[in-house]
Amino acid sequence: MKVLFFGTPEFARPSLEALLASPHEVIGVFTQPDRPRGRGQRLIPSPVKTLSLDKGIPVFQPERIRDRTSLEILRSLRPDLIVVVAYGQILSPPVLSIPAGGCVNVHASLLPKYRGAAPIAWAILRGETRTGITTMLMDPGMDTGPILLTEETAIDPEDTAGVLHDRLSRMGAGLLQRTIAGLEEGSLAPISQDHTQATYAPLIKKGDGKINWAFPARELFNLLRAFDPWPGAFTPWGGRALKLFRPSLLPGEAREDPGTVAAVSADGLQVATAQGYLLVREVQLENRPRMSVSEFLRGHPLRSGERLGP
């Protein structure tokens, strides 16, 4: 088949690599325009664009996939199938109608749970113990199309969003291969989603990582893991933002006010919450690299009894 690939971030790279290793012809790639990043605000290409250029695949970067020029390009390419993996724009009905084989989406949740832009982070935030990958036939809604295949994985207590992201991206590539094979064979029967069971995973913003120590330790444990590596869960300390990583739950009821550092050791910071204690093993002070608590303490006099947060 002649396949058009739509994708942008690192999550989509393994799926594109799987397509390139398949018998199918990737005739073009649509990805988001280069965006300014870093202190110098240099324009940085997406991971999908970088891979595509390395492989000599034509790359298209429209600001709006639904505009007339984009539709003309899509129609001229005459794809048999469109594959979408974390592209970053919703495809309009005119786009969805172009390929004869339809549009297949790879989504990082077990639909209909966690529709939307940030399913990995929200699954951890909500304390889920299992998640997975879903492939579906796209319709005009947001992750509402009929399901083709699913694959599950456990969310381990040590899993961060970064760890889960990498595992799910590899799973997504494998499930995409099986999905396309099933579509070719005619062995897949799309299953409509139960929309009454839908939950949503809206885009995560940088400010969402601010820690409220009045929450129970279990919720903060999930927060720190869900926002690792980005945007990082943070708390004010000494007039600067201190990001906290690699949490563990500790037994016992907290005796100190929420946000109080109950103990400091090479193992980490023991912080009181509204219900229980949280042990934090890695930190990152604003404009400084991430490091273990033992490294941090060599240059920063953080002592037990201090308060984190406002």
Protein backbone atom coordinates (compact mmCIF):
# COMPACT_ATOMS: atom_id res chain seq x y z
CA MET A 1 0.00 0.00 0.00
CA LYS A 2 0.93 3.64 -0.43
CA VAL A 3 0.90 5.06 3.10
CA LEU A 4 0.94 8.64 4.35
CA PHE A 5 2.24 9.05 7.90
CA PHE A 6 1.07 11.82 10.25
CA GLY A 7 3.10 12.25 13.44
CA THR A 8 5.29 14.67 15.35
CA PRO A 9 6.93 13.72 18.70
CA GLU A 10 9.35 11.02 19.77
CA PHE A 11 6.40 8.74 20.58
CA ALA A 12 5.65 8.46 16.84
CA ARG A 13 9.16 7.52 15.68
CA PRO A 14 8.98 3.76 16.34
CA SER A 15 5.72 3.52 14.38
CA LEU A 16 7.27 5.31 11.41
CA GLU A 17 10.33 3.07 11.64
CA ALA A 18 8.04 0.02 11.61
CA LEU A 19 6.31 1.28 8.46
CA LEU A 20 9.64 1.95 6.76
CA ALA A 21 10.72 -1.63 7.51
CA SER A 22 7.46 -3.03 6.09
CA PRO A 23 6.63 -3.90 2.46
CA HIS A 24 4.50 -0.76 2.23
CA GLU A 25 5.64 2.49 0.61
CA VAL A 26 5.69 5.58 2.82
CA ILE A 27 4.99 8.24 0.20
CA GLY A 28 5.12 11.23 2.53
CA VAL A 29 5.09 12.47 6.10
CA PHE A 30 3.01 15.25 7.61
CA THR A 31 4.37 16.72 10.84
CA GLN A 32 3.98 19.94 12.81
CA PRO A 33 5.98 23.02 11.76
CA ASP A 34 9.38 23.54 13.38
CA ARG A 35 8.97 25.30 16.74
CA PRO A 36 11.38 27.57 18.67
CA ARG A 37 12.89 25.89 21.72
CA GLY A 38 15.59 26.46 24.31
CA ARG A 39 17.20 29.66 25.52
CA GLY A 40 18.17 30.69 22.01
CA GLN A 41 14.64 29.96 20.70
CA ARG A 42 16.09 28.18 17.67
CA LEU A 43 13.67 26.43 15.34
CA ILE A 44 13.88 22.72 16.10
CA PRO A 45 12.49 20.05 13.75
CA SER A 46 10.25 17.36 15.18
CA PRO A 47 11.72 13.86 15.77
CA VAL A 48 9.49 12.56 12.97
CA LYS A 49 10.79 15.19 10.54
CA THR A 50 14.40 14.38 11.41
CA LEU A 51 13.87 10.67 10.75
CA SER A 52 11.95 11.35 7.53
CA LEU A 53 14.66 13.58 6.08
CA ASP A 54 17.31 11.00 6.98
CA LYS A 55 15.33 8.41 5.00
CA GLY A 56 14.65 10.72 2.05
CA ILE A 57 10.87 10.88 2.57
CA PRO A 58 9.00 14.02 1.46
CA VAL A 59 7.97 16.10 4.48
CA PHE A 60 4.97 18.46 4.68
CA GLN A 61 4.46 20.88 7.59
CA PRO A 62 1.21 22.83 7.19
CA GLU A 63 0.06 25.07 10.02
CA ARG A 64 -3.48 23.80 9.38
CA ILE A 65 -4.06 20.42 7.80
CA ARG A 66 -7.59 21.40 6.83
CA ASP A 67 -6.68 24.34 4.57
CA ARG A 68 -7.15 24.20 0.80
CA THR A 69 -3.46 23.82 -0.07
CA SER A 70 -3.05 20.86 2.30
CA LEU A 71 -6.13 19.15 0.89
CA GLU A 72 -4.83 19.59 -2.65
CA ILE A 73 -1.48 18.04 -1.69
CA LEU A 74 -3.19 15.12 0.04
CA ARG A 75 -5.45 14.39 -2.91
CA SER A 76 -2.54 14.58 -5.36
CA LEU A 77 -0.59 11.98 -3.34
CA ARG A 78 -3.52 9.51 -3.56
CA PRO A 79 -2.66 7.41 -0.48
CA ASP A 80 -4.22 4.00 0.12
CA LEU A 81 -3.95 4.49 3.89
CA ILE A 82 -3.20 7.28 6.36
CA VAL A 83 -1.54 6.37 9.66
CA VAL A 84 -1.73 8.92 12.49
CA VAL A 85 0.43 8.76 15.64
CA ALA A 86 0.42 11.81 17.94
CA TYR A 87 0.22 14.27 15.06
CA GLY A 88 -1.13 17.21 17.05
CA GLN A 89 -4.03 18.32 14.83
CA ILE A 90 -7.54 16.90 14.43
CA LEU A 91 -8.21 15.62 10.92
CA SER A 92 -11.31 17.07 9.28
CA PRO A 93 -13.86 14.93 7.39
CA PRO A 94 -12.44 16.00 3.97
CA VAL A 95 -9.02 14.67 5.05
CA LEU A 96 -10.45 11.47 6.52
CA SER A 97 -12.28 10.71 3.27
CA ILE A 98 -9.16 10.81 1.05
CA PRO A 99 -7.57 7.33 1.53
CA ALA A 100 -9.56 4.36 0.25
CA GLY A 101 -8.36 2.26 3.21
CA GLY A 102 -9.29 4.90 5.79
CA CYS A 103 -7.21 6.51 8.53
CA VAL A 104 -5.71 4.42 11.34
CA ASN A 105 -4.73 6.04 14.63
CA VAL A 106 -2.35 4.67 17.28
CA HIS A 107 -3.44 5.96 20.71
CA ALA A 108 -1.64 5.50 24.05
CA SER A 109 -4.56 4.30 26.18
CA LEU A 110 -7.20 1.60 26.34
CA LEU A 111 -10.03 3.49 24.69
CA PRO A 112 -12.56 4.78 25.51
CA LYS A 113 -10.56 5.69 28.64
CA TYR A 114 -8.24 8.70 28.39
CA ARG A 115 -9.18 10.24 25.09
CA GLY A 116 -7.13 13.31 24.31
CA ALA A 117 -3.62 14.75 24.23
CA ALA A 118 -1.98 13.37 27.41
CA PRO A 119 -3.23 9.83 28.11
CA ILE A 120 0.02 8.56 29.61
CA ALA A 121 0.30 11.26 32.27
CA TRP A 122 -3.39 11.08 33.18
CA ALA A 123 -3.37 7.30 33.59
CA ILE A 124 -0.62 7.67 36.20
CA LEU A 125 -2.25 10.70 37.82
CA ARG A 126 -5.47 8.75 38.29
CA GLY A 127 -3.67 5.82 39.90
CA GLU A 128 -4.37 3.31 37.13
CA THR A 129 -2.55 -0.01 37.40
CA ARG A 130 -3.01 -0.94 33.73
CA THR A 131 -2.97 0.92 30.44
CA GLY A 132 -2.10 0.10 26.86
CA ILE A 133 -2.30 0.90 23.17
CA THR A 134 -5.38 1.09 20.96
CA THR A 135 -5.49 1.20 17.17
CA MET A 136 -8.72 2.56 15.71
CA LEU A 137 -10.33 3.74 12.51
CA MET A 138 -10.58 7.50 12.75
CA ASP A 139 -13.82 9.47 12.56
CA PRO A 140 -14.36 13.24 12.99
CA GLY A 141 -14.45 13.00 16.81
CA MET A 142 -11.51 13.10 19.22
CA ASP A 143 -10.42 9.46 19.66
CA THR A 144 -14.00 8.25 19.17
CA GLY A 145 -13.60 5.92 16.19
CA PRO A 146 -14.17 2.13 16.16
CA ILE A 147 -11.45 0.03 17.79
CA LEU A 148 -9.32 -2.35 15.71
CA LEU A 149 -6.83 -3.87 18.18
CA THR A 150 -5.65 -3.28 21.76
CA GLU A 151 -2.65 -4.37 23.81
CA GLU A 152 -2.33 -3.97 27.59
CA THR A 153 0.59 -3.39 29.94
CA ALA A 154 0.87 -3.00 33.71
CA ILE A 155 1.76 0.37 35.26
CA ASP A 156 4.39 -0.48 37.85
CA PRO A 157 4.81 1.65 41.01
CA GLU A 158 8.23 2.82 39.79
CA ASP A 159 6.96 3.74 36.31
CA THR A 160 7.18 7.41 35.39
CA ALA A 161 5.50 9.00 32.40
CA GLY A 162 8.86 8.86 30.62
CA VAL A 163 9.35 5.15 31.23
CA LEU A 164 5.76 4.35 30.26
CA HIS A 165 6.03 6.60 27.18
CA ASP A 166 8.98 4.60 25.83
CA ARG A 167 7.33 1.24 26.49
CA LEU A 168 4.04 2.27 24.90
CA SER A 169 5.73 3.78 21.85
CA ARG A 170 7.42 0.43 21.13
CA MET A 171 4.15 -1.41 21.76
CA GLY A 172 2.37 0.99 19.42
CA ALA A 173 4.76 0.20 16.58
CA GLY A 174 4.15 -3.53 16.95
CA LEU A 175 0.39 -3.15 17.22
CA LEU A 176 0.36 -0.93 14.12
CA GLN A 177 2.11 -3.65 12.13
CA ARG A 178 -0.45 -6.24 13.24
CA THR A 179 -3.31 -3.83 12.53
CA ILE A 180 -2.23 -3.12 8.96
CA ALA A 181 -1.72 -6.85 8.33
CA GLY A 182 -5.21 -7.54 9.66
CA LEU A 183 -6.74 -4.84 7.48
CA GLU A 184 -5.02 -6.29 4.41
CA GLU A 185 -6.24 -9.80 5.23
CA GLY A 186 -9.74 -8.58 6.08
CA SER A 187 -9.53 -10.32 9.46
CA LEU A 188 -10.31 -7.28 11.65
CA ALA A 189 -13.85 -6.37 12.66
CA PRO A 190 -13.96 -2.77 14.00
CA ILE A 191 -15.75 -2.53 17.35
CA SER A 192 -17.66 0.63 18.29
CA GLN A 193 -16.56 2.30 21.52
CA ASP A 194 -18.85 2.48 24.52
CA HIS A 195 -19.01 6.26 24.76
CA THR A 196 -20.66 6.11 28.20
CA GLN A 197 -17.33 4.82 29.58
CA ALA A 198 -15.21 7.61 28.08
CA THR A 199 -12.76 9.59 30.19
CA TYR A 200 -10.52 12.43 29.04
CA ALA A 201 -6.85 13.36 29.17
CA PRO A 202 -6.47 17.08 28.42
CA LEU A 203 -3.17 18.69 27.52
CA ILE A 204 -0.74 19.09 30.43
CA LYS A 205 0.53 22.62 31.07
CA LYS A 206 3.71 23.65 32.86
CA GLY A 207 1.86 25.15 35.81
CA ASP A 208 -0.02 21.90 36.45
CA GLY A 209 3.08 20.55 38.18
CA LYS A 210 2.79 22.83 41.23
CA ILE A 211 2.56 20.63 44.34
CA ASN A 212 -0.17 21.15 46.91
CA TRP A 213 1.12 19.52 50.10
CA ALA A 214 -2.43 19.45 51.50
CA PHE A 215 -3.07 16.46 49.22
CA PRO A 216 -2.53 12.88 50.47
CA ALA A 217 0.84 11.24 49.89
CA ARG A 218 -0.66 8.74 47.43
CA GLU A 219 -1.93 11.51 45.12
CA LEU A 220 1.41 13.34 45.25
CA PHE A 221 3.24 10.07 44.57
CA ASN A 222 1.21 9.77 41.36
CA LEU A 223 1.73 13.45 40.50
CA LEU A 224 5.52 13.26 40.70
CA ARG A 225 5.60 10.16 38.50
CA ALA A 226 3.07 11.51 35.98
CA PHE A 227 5.07 14.72 35.44
CA ASP A 228 8.48 13.05 35.12
CA PRO A 229 10.25 14.15 32.95
CA TRP A 230 7.93 16.98 31.87
CA PRO A 231 6.88 19.42 33.19
CA GLY A 232 8.21 18.23 36.53
CA ALA A 233 6.32 18.49 39.81
CA PHE A 234 7.66 21.50 41.70
CA THR A 235 7.42 23.32 45.00
CA PRO A 236 8.75 26.77 46.02
CA TRP A 237 11.90 26.65 48.20
CA GLY A 238 14.14 29.59 49.02
CA GLY A 239 12.44 31.78 46.43
CA ARG A 240 13.08 29.29 43.62
CA ALA A 241 11.23 26.35 42.14
CA LEU A 242 12.45 22.95 43.32
CA LYS A 243 11.37 20.00 41.17
CA LEU A 244 10.97 16.66 42.91
CA PHE A 245 11.46 13.20 41.35
CA ARG A 246 11.60 9.47 42.18
CA PRO A 247 9.10 9.38 45.05
CA SER A 248 8.30 6.53 47.42
CA LEU A 249 5.46 6.15 49.89
CA LEU A 250 6.45 5.78 53.55
CA PRO A 251 4.35 4.18 56.28
CA GLY A 252 2.88 6.11 59.18
CA GLU A 253 0.70 9.14 59.73
CA ALA A 254 2.42 12.50 59.39
CA ARG A 255 2.79 14.46 62.62
CA GLU A 256 4.12 17.64 61.01
CA ASP A 257 2.23 20.24 58.97
CA PRO A 258 1.91 19.39 55.28
CA GLY A 259 5.01 20.43 53.33
CA THR A 260 7.34 20.11 56.32
CA VAL A 261 10.62 18.28 55.71
CA ALA A 262 10.46 15.68 58.47
CA ALA A 263 13.87 14.13 57.83
CA VAL A 264 16.89 14.68 55.57
CA SER A 265 19.34 11.93 54.67
CA ALA A 266 21.38 10.58 51.76
CA ASP A 267 18.35 8.41 50.93
CA GLY A 268 16.18 11.45 50.27
CA LEU A 269 13.82 14.02 51.73
CA GLN A 270 10.97 12.77 53.90
CA VAL A 271 8.13 15.28 53.50
CA ALA A 272 4.86 15.38 55.42
CA THR A 273 1.61 15.52 53.48
CA ALA A 274 -2.04 15.73 54.50
CA GLN A 275 -2.04 11.93 54.82
CA GLY A 276 1.29 10.19 55.27
CA TYR A 277 4.88 10.85 54.23
CA LEU A 278 6.52 11.05 50.83
CA LEU A 279 10.20 10.19 50.30
CA VAL A 280 11.80 12.09 47.40
CA ARG A 281 15.11 10.74 46.07
CA GLU A 282 15.97 13.20 43.28
CA VAL A 283 15.58 16.96 42.93
CA GLN A 284 16.25 19.73 40.45
CA LEU A 285 16.63 23.34 41.56
CA GLU A 286 15.55 26.00 39.07
CA ASN A 287 18.22 26.49 36.35
CA ARG A 288 20.28 23.58 37.70
CA PRO A 289 20.66 19.95 36.58
CA ARG A 290 18.69 17.10 38.08
CA MET A 291 20.56 15.19 40.79
CA SER A 292 20.23 12.85 43.74
CA VAL A 293 19.30 14.35 47.10
CA SER A 294 22.72 13.35 48.50
CA GLU A 295 24.42 15.40 45.74
CA PHE A 296 22.04 18.30 46.27
CA LEU A 297 22.71 18.46 50.02
CA ARG A 298 26.44 19.00 49.47
CA GLY A 299 25.76 22.49 48.15
CA HIS A 300 22.37 23.38 49.63
CA PRO A 301 21.64 23.50 53.37
CA LEU A 302 18.13 22.04 53.38
CA ARG A 303 17.35 20.86 56.93
CA SER A 304 14.60 18.96 58.68
CA GLY A 305 11.86 21.23 59.98
CA GLU A 306 11.93 23.49 56.89
CA ARG A 307 8.74 24.08 54.97
CA LEU A 308 8.37 23.47 51.24
CA GLY A 309 5.76 25.44 49.38
CA PRO A 310 4.00 28.68 50.26
